[in-house]
Amino acid sequence: MIEDPRLRYIDAGHVEGRADDLSGFEVVTEAGRKLGALDGLIVDPPERRIKYFVVYPGGLGRRRLVPVSSARLDLDRRAVEVDLETDDDCPAFDARTFPRFSDADLLAAMFHRAISIH
């Protein structure tokens, strides 16, 4: 289980960009096998980074967290391609563990000052 008090959940339908919103995106393996639908994102607001994709396999399957480091977004196919053959090793998503992204989180992301050492 992943526990980090900074992490927040954003529903895929609330994430907009060049591809409208992310709802309806499929999550597929590099070989083209469908793992499920993109349900949402787990983000770190102060870091302004996406940490995980939340994948819903459908039916009675459990939502899983797929690390963003193993994925790439394919806007033309409306898909997230992951460098996995199965999501069995990915942690289960528990909505109680991740608060929803809020206006306060947005402000934290906008005004967070990163410290860099050169």
PDB file of N, CA and C in Angstrom:
ATOM      1  N   MET A   1       0.841  -1.184   0.000  1.00  0.00           N
ATOM      2  CA  MET A   1       0.000   0.000   0.000  1.00  0.00           C
ATOM      3  C   MET A   1       0.890   1.253   0.000  1.00  0.00           C
ATOM      4  N   ILE A   2       0.494   2.238  -0.741  1.00  0.00           N
ATOM      5  CA  ILE A   2       1.238   3.484  -0.840  1.00  0.00           C
ATOM      6  C   ILE A   2       0.618   4.495   0.100  1.00  0.00           C
ATOM      7  N   GLU A   3       1.428   5.028   0.984  1.00  0.00           N
ATOM      8  CA  GLU A   3       0.927   6.037   1.914  1.00  0.00           C
ATOM      9  C   GLU A   3       1.841   7.251   1.873  1.00  0.00           C
ATOM     10  N   ASP A   4       1.335   8.334   1.363  1.00  0.00           N
ATOM     11  CA  ASP A   4       2.042   9.606   1.313  1.00  0.00           C
ATOM     12  C   ASP A   4       0.979  10.678   1.476  1.00  0.00           C
ATOM     13  N   PRO A   5       1.002  11.436   2.561  1.00  0.00           N
ATOM     14  CA  PRO A   5      -0.068  12.407   2.816  1.00  0.00           C
ATOM     15  C   PRO A   5      -0.177  13.518   1.780  1.00  0.00           C
ATOM     16  N   ARG A   6       0.845  13.696   0.952  1.00  0.00           N
ATOM     17  CA  ARG A   6       0.772  14.748  -0.070  1.00  0.00           C
ATOM     18  C   ARG A   6       0.000  14.320  -1.304  1.00  0.00           C
ATOM     19  N   LEU A   7      -0.123  13.029  -1.543  1.00  0.00           N
ATOM     20  CA  LEU A   7      -0.720  12.542  -2.785  1.00  0.00           C
ATOM     21  C   LEU A   7      -2.224  12.741  -2.803  1.00  0.00           C
ATOM     22  N   ARG A   8      -2.738  13.090  -3.999  1.00  0.00           N
ATOM     23  CA  ARG A   8      -4.161  13.352  -4.196  1.00  0.00           C
ATOM     24  C   ARG A   8      -4.659  12.617  -5.431  1.00  0.00           C
ATOM     25  N   TYR A   9      -5.959  12.319  -5.432  1.00  0.00           N
ATOM     26  CA  TYR A   9      -6.612  11.651  -6.552  1.00  0.00           C
ATOM     27  C   TYR A   9      -7.381  12.677  -7.384  1.00  0.00           C
ATOM     28  N   ILE A  10      -7.240  12.577  -8.695  1.00  0.00           N
ATOM     29  CA  ILE A  10      -8.026  13.394  -9.635  1.00  0.00           C
ATOM     30  C   ILE A  10      -8.723  12.438 -10.591  1.00  0.00           C
ATOM     31  N   ASP A  11     -10.025  12.556 -10.712  1.00  0.00           N
ATOM     32  CA  ASP A  11     -10.801  11.767 -11.662  1.00  0.00           C
ATOM     33  C   ASP A  11     -10.347  12.119 -13.078  1.00  0.00           C
ATOM     34  N   ALA A  12     -10.225  11.123 -13.951  1.00  0.00           N
ATOM     35  CA  ALA A  12      -9.752  11.337 -15.328  1.00  0.00           C
ATOM     36  C   ALA A  12     -10.620  12.348 -16.076  1.00  0.00           C
ATOM     37  N   GLY A  13     -11.899  12.408 -15.764  1.00  0.00           N
ATOM     38  CA  GLY A  13     -12.794  13.350 -16.432  1.00  0.00           C
ATOM     39  C   GLY A  13     -12.546  14.796 -16.056  1.00  0.00           C
ATOM     40  N   HIS A  14     -11.736  15.026 -15.015  1.00  0.00           N
ATOM     41  CA  HIS A  14     -11.434  16.390 -14.583  1.00  0.00           C
ATOM     42  C   HIS A  14     -10.050  16.856 -15.017  1.00  0.00           C
ATOM     43  N   VAL A  15      -9.362  16.037 -15.798  1.00  0.00           N
ATOM     44  CA  VAL A  15      -8.035  16.399 -16.294  1.00  0.00           C
ATOM     45  C   VAL A  15      -8.170  16.758 -17.758  1.00  0.00           C
ATOM     46  N   GLU A  16      -7.896  18.006 -18.071  1.00  0.00           N
ATOM     47  CA  GLU A  16      -8.039  18.476 -19.444  1.00  0.00           C
ATOM     48  C   GLU A  16      -6.690  18.854 -20.025  1.00  0.00           C
ATOM     49  N   GLY A  17      -6.622  18.762 -21.316  1.00  0.00           N
ATOM     50  CA  GLY A  17      -5.407  19.118 -22.033  1.00  0.00           C
ATOM     51  C   GLY A  17      -5.693  19.105 -23.511  1.00  0.00           C
ATOM     52  N   ARG A  18      -4.677  18.799 -24.307  1.00  0.00           N
ATOM     53  CA  ARG A  18      -4.863  18.764 -25.753  1.00  0.00           C
ATOM     54  C   ARG A  18      -5.857  17.698 -26.176  1.00  0.00           C
ATOM     55  N   ALA A  19      -6.091  16.711 -25.340  1.00  0.00           N
ATOM     56  CA  ALA A  19      -6.965  15.600 -25.703  1.00  0.00           C
ATOM     57  C   ALA A  19      -8.335  15.742 -25.042  1.00  0.00           C
ATOM     58  N   ASP A  20      -8.796  16.962 -24.825  1.00  0.00           N
ATOM     59  CA  ASP A  20     -10.007  17.200 -24.050  1.00  0.00           C
ATOM     60  C   ASP A  20      -9.758  16.691 -22.639  1.00  0.00           C
ATOM     61  N   ASP A  21     -10.572  15.744 -22.169  1.00  0.00           N
ATOM     62  CA  ASP A  21     -10.263  15.171 -20.869  1.00  0.00           C
ATOM     63  C   ASP A  21      -9.756  13.743 -21.063  1.00  0.00           C
ATOM     64  N   LEU A  22      -9.257  13.154 -20.009  1.00  0.00           N
ATOM     65  CA  LEU A  22      -8.644  11.829 -20.122  1.00  0.00           C
ATOM     66  C   LEU A  22      -9.623  10.674 -19.937  1.00  0.00           C
ATOM     67  N   SER A  23     -10.886  10.989 -19.651  1.00  0.00           N
ATOM     68  CA  SER A  23     -11.843   9.895 -19.495  1.00  0.00           C
ATOM     69  C   SER A  23     -12.008   9.194 -20.844  1.00  0.00           C
ATOM     70  N   GLY A  24     -12.148   7.908 -20.800  1.00  0.00           N
ATOM     71  CA  GLY A  24     -12.276   7.131 -22.032  1.00  0.00           C
ATOM     72  C   GLY A  24     -10.958   6.632 -22.581  1.00  0.00           C
ATOM     73  N   PHE A  25      -9.845   7.049 -21.997  1.00  0.00           N
ATOM     74  CA  PHE A  25      -8.553   6.534 -22.442  1.00  0.00           C
ATOM     75  C   PHE A  25      -8.424   5.088 -21.997  1.00  0.00           C
ATOM     76  N   GLU A  26      -7.912   4.242 -22.879  1.00  0.00           N
ATOM     77  CA  GLU A  26      -7.626   2.863 -22.534  1.00  0.00           C
ATOM     78  C   GLU A  26      -6.209   2.763 -22.008  1.00  0.00           C
ATOM     79  N   VAL A  27      -5.965   1.779 -21.162  1.00  0.00           N
ATOM     80  CA  VAL A  27      -4.616   1.474 -20.702  1.00  0.00           C
ATOM     81  C   VAL A  27      -4.254   0.136 -21.332  1.00  0.00           C
ATOM     82  N   VAL A  28      -3.176   0.149 -22.118  1.00  0.00           N
ATOM     83  CA  VAL A  28      -2.779  -1.036 -22.880  1.00  0.00           C
ATOM     84  C   VAL A  28      -1.302  -1.329 -22.660  1.00  0.00           C
ATOM     85  N   THR A  29      -0.938  -2.583 -22.867  1.00  0.00           N
ATOM     86  CA  THR A  29       0.469  -2.968 -22.803  1.00  0.00           C
ATOM     87  C   THR A  29       1.143  -2.591 -24.117  1.00  0.00           C
ATOM     88  N   GLU A  30       2.456  -2.668 -24.145  1.00  0.00           N
ATOM     89  CA  GLU A  30       3.181  -2.390 -25.384  1.00  0.00           C
ATOM     90  C   GLU A  30       2.772  -3.359 -26.489  1.00  0.00           C
ATOM     91  N   ALA A  31       2.351  -4.567 -26.098  1.00  0.00           N
ATOM     92  CA  ALA A  31       1.915  -5.569 -27.070  1.00  0.00           C
ATOM     93  C   ALA A  31       0.467  -5.340 -27.518  1.00  0.00           C
ATOM     94  N   GLY A  32      -0.205  -4.340 -26.930  1.00  0.00           N
ATOM     95  CA  GLY A  32      -1.559  -4.005 -27.339  1.00  0.00           C
ATOM     96  C   GLY A  32      -2.662  -4.653 -26.519  1.00  0.00           C
ATOM     97  N   ARG A  33      -2.304  -5.393 -25.465  1.00  0.00           N
ATOM     98  CA  ARG A  33      -3.308  -6.033 -24.603  1.00  0.00           C
ATOM     99  C   ARG A  33      -3.940  -5.006 -23.681  1.00  0.00           C
ATOM    100  N   LYS A  34      -5.257  -4.961 -23.663  1.00  0.00           N
ATOM    101  CA  LYS A  34      -5.980  -3.981 -22.850  1.00  0.00           C
ATOM    102  C   LYS A  34      -5.979  -4.406 -21.379  1.00  0.00           C
ATOM    103  N   LEU A  35      -5.522  -3.479 -20.510  1.00  0.00           N
ATOM    104  CA  LEU A  35      -5.545  -3.726 -19.072  1.00  0.00           C
ATOM    105  C   LEU A  35      -6.786  -3.117 -18.429  1.00  0.00           C
ATOM    106  N   GLY A  36      -7.362  -2.108 -19.088  1.00  0.00           N
ATOM    107  CA  GLY A  36      -8.544  -1.460 -18.538  1.00  0.00           C
ATOM    108  C   GLY A  36      -8.664  -0.035 -19.030  1.00  0.00           C
ATOM    109  N   ALA A  37      -9.454   0.734 -18.303  1.00  0.00           N
ATOM    110  CA  ALA A  37      -9.690   2.139 -18.652  1.00  0.00           C
ATOM    111  C   ALA A  37      -8.993   3.039 -17.635  1.00  0.00           C
ATOM    112  N   LEU A  38      -8.562   4.197 -18.091  1.00  0.00           N
ATOM    113  CA  LEU A  38      -7.958   5.178 -17.198  1.00  0.00           C
ATOM    114  C   LEU A  38      -9.059   5.766 -16.331  1.00  0.00           C
ATOM    115  N   ASP A  39      -8.947   5.573 -15.034  1.00  0.00           N
ATOM    116  CA  ASP A  39      -9.949   6.035 -14.081  1.00  0.00           C
ATOM    117  C   ASP A  39      -9.571   7.383 -13.475  1.00  0.00           C
ATOM    118  N   GLY A  40      -8.273   7.607 -13.299  1.00  0.00           N
ATOM    119  CA  GLY A  40      -7.831   8.855 -12.680  1.00  0.00           C
ATOM    120  C   GLY A  40      -6.328   8.906 -12.558  1.00  0.00           C
ATOM    121  N   LEU A  41      -5.869   9.929 -11.845  1.00  0.00           N
ATOM    122  CA  LEU A  41      -4.445  10.145 -11.623  1.00  0.00           C
ATOM    123  C   LEU A  41      -4.196  10.337 -10.137  1.00  0.00           C
ATOM    124  N   ILE A  42      -3.029   9.915  -9.692  1.00  0.00           N
ATOM    125  CA  ILE A  42      -2.550  10.237  -8.356  1.00  0.00           C
ATOM    126  C   ILE A  42      -1.434  11.251  -8.565  1.00  0.00           C
ATOM    127  N   VAL A  43      -1.597  12.430  -7.964  1.00  0.00           N
ATOM    128  CA  VAL A  43      -0.647  13.515  -8.178  1.00  0.00           C
ATOM    129  C   VAL A  43      -0.042  13.973  -6.854  1.00  0.00           C
ATOM    130  N   ASP A  44       1.120  14.589  -6.954  1.00  0.00           N
ATOM    131  CA  ASP A  44       1.783  15.234  -5.825  1.00  0.00           C
ATOM    132  C   ASP A  44       1.718  16.730  -6.112  1.00  0.00           C
ATOM    133  N   PRO A  45       0.731  17.445  -5.544  1.00  0.00           N
ATOM    134  CA  PRO A  45       0.549  18.871  -5.879  1.00  0.00           C
ATOM    135  C   PRO A  45       1.773  19.745  -5.660  1.00  0.00           C
ATOM    136  N   PRO A  46       2.458  19.678  -4.495  1.00  0.00           N
ATOM    137  CA  PRO A  46       3.623  20.558  -4.335  1.00  0.00           C
ATOM    138  C   PRO A  46       4.725  20.296  -5.354  1.00  0.00           C
ATOM    139  N   GLU A  47       4.871  19.034  -5.754  1.00  0.00           N
ATOM    140  CA  GLU A  47       5.893  18.684  -6.745  1.00  0.00           C
ATOM    141  C   GLU A  47       5.420  18.898  -8.175  1.00  0.00           C
ATOM    142  N   ARG A  48       4.104  19.094  -8.348  1.00  0.00           N
ATOM    143  CA  ARG A  48       3.503  19.253  -9.676  1.00  0.00           C
ATOM    144  C   ARG A  48       3.795  18.050 -10.568  1.00  0.00           C
ATOM    145  N   ARG A  49       3.647  16.867 -10.007  1.00  0.00           N
ATOM    146  CA  ARG A  49       3.962  15.647 -10.745  1.00  0.00           C
ATOM    147  C   ARG A  49       2.845  14.613 -10.625  1.00  0.00           C
ATOM    148  N   ILE A  50       2.635  13.921 -11.729  1.00  0.00           N
ATOM    149  CA  ILE A  50       1.759  12.761 -11.722  1.00  0.00           C
ATOM    150  C   ILE A  50       2.610  11.589 -11.255  1.00  0.00           C
ATOM    151  N   LYS A  51       2.135  10.851 -10.283  1.00  0.00           N
ATOM    152  CA  LYS A  51       2.882   9.703  -9.759  1.00  0.00           C
ATOM    153  C   LYS A  51       2.349   8.373 -10.279  1.00  0.00           C
ATOM    154  N   TYR A  52       1.009   8.267 -10.377  1.00  0.00           N
ATOM    155  CA  TYR A  52       0.390   7.013 -10.788  1.00  0.00           C
ATOM    156  C   TYR A  52      -0.825   7.269 -11.666  1.00  0.00           C
ATOM    157  N   PHE A  53      -1.096   6.309 -12.548  1.00  0.00           N
ATOM    158  CA  PHE A  53      -2.363   6.245 -13.259  1.00  0.00           C
ATOM    159  C   PHE A  53      -3.234   5.254 -12.500  1.00  0.00           C
ATOM    160  N   VAL A  54      -4.501   5.568 -12.319  1.00  0.00           N
ATOM    161  CA  VAL A  54      -5.444   4.634 -11.708  1.00  0.00           C
ATOM    162  C   VAL A  54      -6.151   3.921 -12.854  1.00  0.00           C
ATOM    163  N   VAL A  55      -6.037   2.597 -12.885  1.00  0.00           N
ATOM    164  CA  VAL A  55      -6.568   1.779 -13.976  1.00  0.00           C
ATOM    165  C   VAL A  55      -7.720   0.937 -13.451  1.00  0.00           C
ATOM    166  N   TYR A  56      -8.855   1.006 -14.170  1.00  0.00           N
ATOM    167  CA  TYR A  56     -10.023   0.207 -13.811  1.00  0.00           C
ATOM    168  C   TYR A  56     -10.199  -0.883 -14.865  1.00  0.00           C
ATOM    169  N   PRO A  57     -10.060  -2.150 -14.465  1.00  0.00           N
ATOM    170  CA  PRO A  57     -10.154  -3.233 -15.447  1.00  0.00           C
ATOM    171  C   PRO A  57     -11.574  -3.550 -15.896  1.00  0.00           C
ATOM    172  N   GLY A  58     -12.561  -3.019 -15.214  1.00  0.00           N
ATOM    173  CA  GLY A  58     -13.955  -3.291 -15.553  1.00  0.00           C
ATOM    174  C   GLY A  58     -14.524  -4.404 -14.699  1.00  0.00           C
ATOM    175  N   GLY A  59     -15.847  -4.520 -14.745  1.00  0.00           N
ATOM    176  CA  GLY A  59     -16.516  -5.573 -13.987  1.00  0.00           C
ATOM    177  C   GLY A  59     -16.236  -5.485 -12.503  1.00  0.00           C
ATOM    178  N   LEU A  60     -15.891  -6.617 -11.919  1.00  0.00           N
ATOM    179  CA  LEU A  60     -15.610  -6.679 -10.488  1.00  0.00           C
ATOM    180  C   LEU A  60     -14.125  -6.524 -10.175  1.00  0.00           C
ATOM    181  N   GLY A  61     -13.326  -6.208 -11.198  1.00  0.00           N
ATOM    182  CA  GLY A  61     -11.888  -6.057 -10.993  1.00  0.00           C
ATOM    183  C   GLY A  61     -11.562  -4.872 -10.105  1.00  0.00           C
ATOM    184  N   ARG A  62     -10.429  -4.976  -9.425  1.00  0.00           N
ATOM    185  CA  ARG A  62      -9.981  -3.901  -8.529  1.00  0.00           C
ATOM    186  C   ARG A  62      -9.167  -2.878  -9.301  1.00  0.00           C
ATOM    187  N   ARG A  63      -9.355  -1.621  -8.952  1.00  0.00           N
ATOM    188  CA  ARG A  63      -8.541  -0.565  -9.546  1.00  0.00           C
ATOM    189  C   ARG A  63      -7.099  -0.751  -9.087  1.00  0.00           C
ATOM    190  N   ARG A  64      -6.175  -0.439  -9.989  1.00  0.00           N
ATOM    191  CA  ARG A  64      -4.747  -0.602  -9.713  1.00  0.00           C
ATOM    192  C   ARG A  64      -4.013   0.710  -9.970  1.00  0.00           C
ATOM    193  N   LEU A  65      -2.874   0.861  -9.304  1.00  0.00           N
ATOM    194  CA  LEU A  65      -2.008   2.021  -9.491  1.00  0.00           C
ATOM    195  C   LEU A  65      -0.834   1.612 -10.369  1.00  0.00           C
ATOM    196  N   VAL A  66      -0.740   2.245 -11.520  1.00  0.00           N
ATOM    197  CA  VAL A  66       0.361   1.976 -12.442  1.00  0.00           C
ATOM    198  C   VAL A  66       1.308   3.168 -12.384  1.00  0.00           C
ATOM    199  N   PRO A  67       2.580   2.938 -12.054  1.00  0.00           N
ATOM    200  CA  PRO A  67       3.528   4.052 -11.976  1.00  0.00           C
ATOM    201  C   PRO A  67       3.628   4.794 -13.302  1.00  0.00           C
ATOM    202  N   VAL A  68       3.620   6.101 -13.229  1.00  0.00           N
ATOM    203  CA  VAL A  68       3.696   6.909 -14.444  1.00  0.00           C
ATOM    204  C   VAL A  68       5.036   6.694 -15.154  1.00  0.00           C
ATOM    205  N   SER A  69       6.057   6.298 -14.397  1.00  0.00           N
ATOM    206  CA  SER A  69       7.372   6.074 -15.002  1.00  0.00           C
ATOM    207  C   SER A  69       7.372   4.920 -15.993  1.00  0.00           C
ATOM    208  N   SER A  70       6.371   4.041 -15.912  1.00  0.00           N
ATOM    209  CA  SER A  70       6.317   2.903 -16.838  1.00  0.00           C
ATOM    210  C   SER A  70       5.274   3.122 -17.934  1.00  0.00           C
ATOM    211  N   ALA A  71       4.884   4.379 -18.172  1.00  0.00           N
ATOM    212  CA  ALA A  71       3.795   4.631 -19.113  1.00  0.00           C
ATOM    213  C   ALA A  71       4.091   5.822 -20.024  1.00  0.00           C
ATOM    214  N   ARG A  72       3.384   5.814 -21.153  1.00  0.00           N
ATOM    215  CA  ARG A  72       3.431   6.989 -22.033  1.00  0.00           C
ATOM    216  C   ARG A  72       2.036   7.206 -22.605  1.00  0.00           C
ATOM    217  N   LEU A  73       1.706   8.457 -22.794  1.00  0.00           N
ATOM    218  CA  LEU A  73       0.387   8.847 -23.293  1.00  0.00           C
ATOM    219  C   LEU A  73       0.406   8.870 -24.818  1.00  0.00           C
ATOM    220  N   ASP A  74      -0.552   8.206 -25.447  1.00  0.00           N
ATOM    221  CA  ASP A  74      -0.696   8.198 -26.901  1.00  0.00           C
ATOM    222  C   ASP A  74      -2.004   8.920 -27.218  1.00  0.00           C
ATOM    223  N   LEU A  75      -1.908  10.218 -27.509  1.00  0.00           N
ATOM    224  CA  LEU A  75      -3.100  11.043 -27.725  1.00  0.00           C
ATOM    225  C   LEU A  75      -3.886  10.616 -28.955  1.00  0.00           C
ATOM    226  N   ASP A  76      -3.186  10.165 -30.004  1.00  0.00           N
ATOM    227  CA  ASP A  76      -3.883   9.756 -31.225  1.00  0.00           C
ATOM    228  C   ASP A  76      -4.779   8.541 -30.990  1.00  0.00           C
ATOM    229  N   ARG A  77      -4.305   7.595 -30.204  1.00  0.00           N
ATOM    230  CA  ARG A  77      -5.081   6.384 -29.902  1.00  0.00           C
ATOM    231  C   ARG A  77      -5.974   6.550 -28.677  1.00  0.00           C
ATOM    232  N   ARG A  78      -5.847   7.686 -27.990  1.00  0.00           N
ATOM    233  CA  ARG A  78      -6.540   7.912 -26.706  1.00  0.00           C
ATOM    234  C   ARG A  78      -6.249   6.740 -25.773  1.00  0.00           C
ATOM    235  N   ALA A  79      -4.936   6.519 -25.584  1.00  0.00           N
ATOM    236  CA  ALA A  79      -4.505   5.391 -24.775  1.00  0.00           C
ATOM    237  C   ALA A  79      -3.288   5.762 -23.937  1.00  0.00           C
ATOM    238  N   VAL A  80      -3.137   5.037 -22.853  1.00  0.00           N
ATOM    239  CA  VAL A  80      -1.923   5.063 -22.052  1.00  0.00           C
ATOM    240  C   VAL A  80      -1.258   3.718 -22.272  1.00  0.00           C
ATOM    241  N   GLU A  81      -0.057   3.754 -22.827  1.00  0.00           N
ATOM    242  CA  GLU A  81       0.680   2.524 -23.086  1.00  0.00           C
ATOM    243  C   GLU A  81       1.649   2.302 -21.934  1.00  0.00           C
ATOM    244  N   VAL A  82       1.575   1.126 -21.329  1.00  0.00           N
ATOM    245  CA  VAL A  82       2.413   0.837 -20.165  1.00  0.00           C
ATOM    246  C   VAL A  82       3.426  -0.249 -20.473  1.00  0.00           C
ATOM    247  N   ASP A  83       4.549  -0.147 -19.822  1.00  0.00           N
ATOM    248  CA  ASP A  83       5.643  -1.094 -19.980  1.00  0.00           C
ATOM    249  C   ASP A  83       5.453  -2.240 -18.988  1.00  0.00           C
ATOM    250  N   LEU A  84       4.299  -2.893 -19.061  1.00  0.00           N
ATOM    251  CA  LEU A  84       3.944  -4.016 -18.194  1.00  0.00           C
ATOM    252  C   LEU A  84       3.199  -5.032 -19.038  1.00  0.00           C
ATOM    253  N   GLU A  85       3.252  -6.264 -18.668  1.00  0.00           N
ATOM    254  CA  GLU A  85       2.443  -7.270 -19.351  1.00  0.00           C
ATOM    255  C   GLU A  85       1.166  -7.552 -18.579  1.00  0.00           C
ATOM    256  N   THR A  86       1.188  -7.269 -17.284  1.00  0.00           N
ATOM    257  CA  THR A  86       0.025  -7.451 -16.435  1.00  0.00           C
ATOM    258  C   THR A  86       0.089  -6.412 -15.327  1.00  0.00           C
ATOM    259  N   ASP A  87      -1.042  -6.090 -14.747  1.00  0.00           N
ATOM    260  CA  ASP A  87      -1.037  -5.130 -13.643  1.00  0.00           C
ATOM    261  C   ASP A  87      -1.074  -5.847 -12.292  1.00  0.00           C
ATOM    262  N   ASP A  88      -0.844  -7.164 -12.294  1.00  0.00           N
ATOM    263  CA  ASP A  88      -0.907  -7.949 -11.060  1.00  0.00           C
ATOM    264  C   ASP A  88       0.077  -7.464  -9.996  1.00  0.00           C
ATOM    265  N   ASP A  89       1.217  -6.956 -10.416  1.00  0.00           N
ATOM    266  CA  ASP A  89       2.222  -6.486  -9.457  1.00  0.00           C
ATOM    267  C   ASP A  89       2.006  -5.034  -9.035  1.00  0.00           C
ATOM    268  N   CYS A  90       1.021  -4.384  -9.604  1.00  0.00           N
ATOM    269  CA  CYS A  90       0.730  -2.991  -9.267  1.00  0.00           C
ATOM    270  C   CYS A  90      -0.156  -2.947  -8.025  1.00  0.00           C
ATOM    271  N   PRO A  91       0.098  -1.986  -7.115  1.00  0.00           N
ATOM    272  CA  PRO A  91      -0.720  -1.919  -5.904  1.00  0.00           C
ATOM    273  C   PRO A  91      -2.185  -1.613  -6.213  1.00  0.00           C
ATOM    274  N   ALA A  92      -3.058  -2.135  -5.369  1.00  0.00           N
ATOM    275  CA  ALA A  92      -4.484  -1.846  -5.501  1.00  0.00           C
ATOM    276  C   ALA A  92      -4.741  -0.395  -5.105  1.00  0.00           C
ATOM    277  N   PHE A  93      -5.718   0.210  -5.754  1.00  0.00           N
ATOM    278  CA  PHE A  93      -6.117   1.585  -5.439  1.00  0.00           C
ATOM    279  C   PHE A  93      -7.195   1.544  -4.371  1.00  0.00           C
ATOM    280  N   ASP A  94      -6.956   2.265  -3.287  1.00  0.00           N
ATOM    281  CA  ASP A  94      -7.934   2.404  -2.212  1.00  0.00           C
ATOM    282  C   ASP A  94      -8.272   3.881  -2.107  1.00  0.00           C
ATOM    283  N   ALA A  95      -9.478   4.247  -2.482  1.00  0.00           N
ATOM    284  CA  ALA A  95      -9.891   5.659  -2.511  1.00  0.00           C
ATOM    285  C   ALA A  95      -9.770   6.316  -1.146  1.00  0.00           C
ATOM    286  N   ARG A  96      -9.851   5.545  -0.071  1.00  0.00           N
ATOM    287  CA  ARG A  96      -9.738   6.122   1.277  1.00  0.00           C
ATOM    288  C   ARG A  96      -8.320   6.585   1.585  1.00  0.00           C
ATOM    289  N   THR A  97      -7.350   6.073   0.843  1.00  0.00           N
ATOM    290  CA  THR A  97      -5.950   6.422   1.072  1.00  0.00           C
ATOM    291  C   THR A  97      -5.578   7.759   0.426  1.00  0.00           C
ATOM    292  N   PHE A  98      -6.301   8.144  -0.617  1.00  0.00           N
ATOM    293  CA  PHE A  98      -5.940   9.329  -1.379  1.00  0.00           C
ATOM    294  C   PHE A  98      -7.085  10.345  -1.365  1.00  0.00           C
ATOM    295  N   PRO A  99      -6.915  11.460  -0.654  1.00  0.00           N
ATOM    296  CA  PRO A  99      -7.944  12.508  -0.712  1.00  0.00           C
ATOM    297  C   PRO A  99      -8.068  13.040  -2.133  1.00  0.00           C
ATOM    298  N   ARG A 100      -9.245  13.545  -2.441  1.00  0.00           N
ATOM    299  CA  ARG A 100      -9.450  14.156  -3.762  1.00  0.00           C
ATOM    300  C   ARG A 100      -8.696  15.484  -3.855  1.00  0.00           C
ATOM    301  N   PHE A 101      -8.215  15.762  -5.046  1.00  0.00           N
ATOM    302  CA  PHE A 101      -7.528  17.024  -5.342  1.00  0.00           C
ATOM    303  C   PHE A 101      -8.514  18.167  -5.093  1.00  0.00           C
ATOM    304  N   SER A 102      -8.081  19.190  -4.351  1.00  0.00           N
ATOM    305  CA  SER A 102      -8.973  20.285  -3.954  1.00  0.00           C
ATOM    306  C   SER A 102      -8.429  21.635  -4.423  1.00  0.00           C
ATOM    307  N   ASP A 103      -9.207  22.674  -4.180  1.00  0.00           N
ATOM    308  CA  ASP A 103      -8.744  24.030  -4.489  1.00  0.00           C
ATOM    309  C   ASP A 103      -7.486  24.367  -3.688  1.00  0.00           C
ATOM    310  N   ALA A 104      -7.404  23.908  -2.450  1.00  0.00           N
ATOM    311  CA  ALA A 104      -6.204  24.143  -1.638  1.00  0.00           C
ATOM    312  C   ALA A 104      -4.984  23.470  -2.271  1.00  0.00           C
ATOM    313  N   ASP A 105      -5.192  22.278  -2.840  1.00  0.00           N
ATOM    314  CA  ASP A 105      -4.092  21.591  -3.520  1.00  0.00           C
ATOM    315  C   ASP A 105      -3.650  22.354  -4.767  1.00  0.00           C
ATOM    316  N   LEU A 106      -4.615  22.926  -5.465  1.00  0.00           N
ATOM    317  CA  LEU A 106      -4.292  23.725  -6.641  1.00  0.00           C
ATOM    318  C   LEU A 106      -3.428  24.917  -6.252  1.00  0.00           C
ATOM    319  N   LEU A 107      -3.794  25.589  -5.178  1.00  0.00           N
ATOM    320  CA  LEU A 107      -3.000  26.725  -4.700  1.00  0.00           C
ATOM    321  C   LEU A 107      -1.606  26.278  -4.264  1.00  0.00           C
ATOM    322  N   ALA A 108      -1.525  25.126  -3.602  1.00  0.00           N
ATOM    323  CA  ALA A 108      -0.218  24.607  -3.194  1.00  0.00           C
ATOM    324  C   ALA A 108       0.659  24.349  -4.415  1.00  0.00           C
ATOM    325  N   ALA A 109       0.064  23.811  -5.467  1.00  0.00           N
ATOM    326  CA  ALA A 109       0.823  23.536  -6.688  1.00  0.00           C
ATOM    327  C   ALA A 109       1.250  24.821  -7.379  1.00  0.00           C
ATOM    328  N   MET A 110       0.384  25.816  -7.364  1.00  0.00           N
ATOM    329  CA  MET A 110       0.691  27.067  -8.058  1.00  0.00           C
ATOM    330  C   MET A 110       1.769  27.881  -7.348  1.00  0.00           C
ATOM    331  N   PHE A 111       1.759  27.852  -6.029  1.00  0.00           N
ATOM    332  CA  PHE A 111       2.633  28.749  -5.283  1.00  0.00           C
ATOM    333  C   PHE A 111       3.757  28.061  -4.531  1.00  0.00           C
ATOM    334  N   HIS A 112       3.912  26.764  -4.716  1.00  0.00           N
ATOM    335  CA  HIS A 112       4.999  26.050  -4.072  1.00  0.00           C
ATOM    336  C   HIS A 112       6.321  26.510  -4.662  1.00  0.00           C
ATOM    337  N   ARG A 113       7.263  26.803  -3.816  1.00  0.00           N
ATOM    338  CA  ARG A 113       8.591  27.222  -4.288  1.00  0.00           C
ATOM    339  C   ARG A 113       9.581  26.097  -4.073  1.00  0.00           C
ATOM    340  N   ALA A 114      10.104  25.627  -5.144  1.00  0.00           N
ATOM    341  CA  ALA A 114      11.084  24.553  -5.058  1.00  0.00           C
ATOM    342  C   ALA A 114      12.443  25.119  -4.686  1.00  0.00           C
ATOM    343  N   ILE A 115      13.165  24.398  -3.860  1.00  0.00           N
ATOM    344  CA  ILE A 115      14.510  24.786  -3.455  1.00  0.00           C
ATOM    345  C   ILE A 115      15.474  23.962  -4.297  1.00  0.00           C
ATOM    346  N   SER A 116      16.357  24.640  -4.962  1.00  0.00           N
ATOM    347  CA  SER A 116      17.354  23.897  -5.752  1.00  0.00           C
ATOM    348  C   SER A 116      18.748  24.268  -5.285  1.00  0.00           C
ATOM    349  N   ILE A 117      19.615  23.304  -5.300  1.00  0.00           N
ATOM    350  CA  ILE A 117      20.998  23.516  -4.912  1.00  0.00           C
ATOM    351  C   ILE A 117      21.849  23.269  -6.140  1.00  0.00           C
ATOM    352  N   HIS A 118      22.638  24.241  -6.462  1.00  0.00           N
ATOM    353  CA  HIS A 118      23.496  24.106  -7.661  1.00  0.00           C
ATOM    354  C   HIS A 118      24.926  23.871  -7.274  1.00  0.00           C
TER     355      HIS A 118
END
